[in-house]
Structures are given as structure tokens and as C-alpha cells.
Amino acid sequence: MSNVEKLLVVEDDPGLQRQYKWNFEDYEVLIAGSRKEAIEMLRAETPKVVTLDLGLPPDPDGTSEGFATLDEILKLAPQTKVIVASGHGARESALKAISMGAYDFYQKPVDPDTLGLIVSRAFNLYELEAENRRLLENGSGKTLGGLVTGSTAMLKVCQMIERVAPADVSVLLLGASGTGKELLARAVHDNSPRKKEAFIAINCAAIPENLLESELFGYEKGAFTGAVKTTPGKIEMAQGGTLFLDEIGDLPFPLQVKLLRFLQERVIERIGGRKEIAVDVRIVCATHQNLEQLIADGGFREDLYYRLSEIAINIPSLGERDGDPALLAHHFMNKFNAEHKRNIRGFSQDALAAMSAHSWPGNVRELENRVKRAVIMCDGKRISAEDLDMDTGDIEPEVLNLKQVREQADKRALKRAIATADGNISQAAKLLGVSRPTFYGLLKQYDITL
């Protein structure tokens, strides 16, 4: 039984206890008839999922003992998924149980199929959250510079940065806003021989054009009105270290010429100055723009592009990083729990489904903002899709059961073949490479009507 999942059933009715054992023969069903027995079983067996009848002795006709049991379970094992059942004031009890941190709720009398689905999803969600915690705890989740990821695509980016960081070459980071370009630029610096020197960052899109030149190159006293003292620029301040030029695609054309000269000769002149100043600095750039298209349109110098992109690294968007939305969401939840002194324990099934289906146009920054809002606004112990301000109208719950995944794929293929063949069964069967009898058998199996 060691490899079988443990399901704790807290129920004082002997008849229902037997029914649960029959219904859940795929699990190791543990039975407790009181709060005391439930807590003892919880401590001894650490089940991942618990079904809890709120009507427990000494209050079998009420809910007080059941809610006390729920509270104690969640204090002892906050990650446990508790599914609450009651025939007493179902709606009010449901709202209270969910607000206390219960995973889900169902009303008696028990429908075995419905409860079976709820229990299965509870185990799936427990494993997903456990995997997220493992990734964060064992280092697979946190990589370079504290970057949180479990995505194969993003891990490849981290591996590239680990390889290029020791080499004194210019690095160009290409990716949409909010994908973590500055975090990765810092990782280049922190993993290079220059790590003990300065890391200086400047956003080329955030500074007005008439001020950007003095920010980059500095100025001499009296160079212009207001220049009351000689001031070094960002390039000079990064001496011996790394200069990060964010949004390099927004660098004005005249400054592109001056930056190119610096990259070629490694000397600068402050505004109003006549003296050349040698600067040893590594350049790391980033942009969300297509520089090759900008070059074609005459907005960016081709020779500067090749100077800056000795190594170019494409950063995938959050929508392309499988599993990362949920992983990052838990990371940010823990962060904002600590900041705002909250005790949110996780995400509801609809929240995880919404995050999985969302395209994340604002990338990690959007996710962080949504989770921060949810931690502040959440009334219960689990963040819902509503707390994240995400619509779940057309989202199907995420399916983690392999059999269900295959069934959904079969259904989509059957429906697509029927549509492509315009209802011609023989043609649809050919498209799928099966016989007509097999095709009809699949239609019947999945209850698909023509």
C-alpha cells in the first residue's frame, strides 16, 4: 500500500464509511469518526487529501465540531487539501469553509462520481503545488541571480549566460518587456571577472534625448547652463565593471554614432571637454524591439548592431515558459505574504487554470502585479481567479490526469476530422487513419453526436 495515495475520510456514519471505502478503492482510505481520531490520523499518516463531514460528534446535527476540525487540520498541515461535506445550511457552510482554507465543498447526499472527480483534482493540485515548492527549495526553481524558472527554454537561456559571462564580450538580450532582461544582465555581471566592480544601468527610453548624452558621457563644468560642476557619465562610472543599456533600440541616432566610436576606440569625451578619457567597461544591452527591422528602416546603425551583439540571447516570453506562471505565482505569493503580513496558502483550481490559459502579454511584471493585488484583496486562504482579476468564462480546468488528457485529445481530433470532412464519416475515418467501425466506436465511446 506504500505507493497508493492516502485519503483520510472524517465521517462518523458507519454506512458512509463503508461507501467511501468502496468508492475510493484506488486509494488507501483512512477512516476517522471524530476530531480526535482525525488529528491523530493526520499526524501519523500525513494524507494529502481529506474529506471532512462537518457534522461530527459531539455536534452531529450542527457544524461547530466540523469547523473546529477543519481549522486544526489546516494549522497542522496547511498544504493538505480538505474537501468539506455537509447537509446543514450548505451555502453558508460552503462559504465559511472555503474562506477558512478548504479546497472544495460538496453537499450530501454523496454523489460518488462528483466526489471522485473533486478528490482526483485535489490530489493533482497537491502534487502541482508540491512540485512548485520543490523547485523553489532545491535550486531548480531559482537559477541565476534569483531568477525563478522551471522552464526548459528559460533554463537554456541561463546556461547560455553562464557560458558567456566569463568571456569579455558584448551581450545583447532580446525579449519583450517584463521578461527579466535586467535580472539576466546582472547575472552576466555577477558571473564575470568584473563582478567586484560597478554594475551601472541606464534606460535609453526613459531619459529625454537632450539629457541622454550627458547621462551617458558626462559633462565639464560650464559646458551648458546649469553645469555648475564637472560630472562623470554612466560609461565612466562603470569603469572596470559592466554598463547595462536597457532599451538600446530607443537610442537616438546621433548618440548611436558617439557610442559606436566609444566601442571602437574605448575612449570618451565629456560634453564641453577636450580630453579623451580611456574607459574599460563591458557592455550589455537589451531591447524589446526588432533591431534588424530597425536597421532596414534606417532607425539603427548596422555597424553598431554588430558591435553590440557579439552574443545575442533571445529570452522567451512568460507565455512560452511552460509551468512558470504557476511556479512564479507561488514565489510572488510567498514574497507578498511576508511583505503584507498575510497567510494565503495557495491558489484555487480556477486560478491555476486561468494562469495556465492566459497569454501574459505583460510577462513576469504582469504576473507579479496580479499576485500582489490578489494577496492584498483575497478574503479566504486561497487565491481565486477573481482575486487575480482574471476571467474564467471560457477556460476549462487544467487536466493533469493522463487518461483525461488523452480523451480530450481524441475528442478534439474526432471533431476536427468530422468538420474537415464536412460530416462524411468515411472521409473523416481516412483522415484519422482508422476504419469506419473504429471511428463509430470512438464516437460512441466519447458520446459525440453527428
Foldseek 3Di string as FASTA:
>chain_A
DVPFAEEEEADQDPVVLVVVCVLPVSHNYHYHQFLVRRVVCCVPPVGQEYEFEQQGPPRNPDRPRRVVSLLVSCVVPVRRAYEYEYQPPQVVVQVVSVQARHQYYDYDPDDSVVVVVVVVVSVVVSVLVVVLVCCVPVVCQQDQQRHGAVFPQQVVLRVVLLVCLQPQAFEEEEADAALCQVSSVLSSQCNYPLVVFDEAEDEQVPDDLVCVLCQAAWAADPLDPPSNHGDGHRQQRRASGEYEYEAPLNRFPVVLVQVLVCLVVQWGAHRVGDDTHHGDYGYYYYHHDDVVVCVVVVSHDPSSVCRNPPPYDYRDFQLPGPSVLQSLLVVLLVVLCVVVVHQASEAHQLLVQQSNPDNPSNGPVLSSVLSNQLRVPPSGNHGYCVSSVTDSPPTDGDDDDPVVVVLVVLVVLLVVLCVVVVNDQCSSCVVVVHHSVVSVVNCVVNVPDD
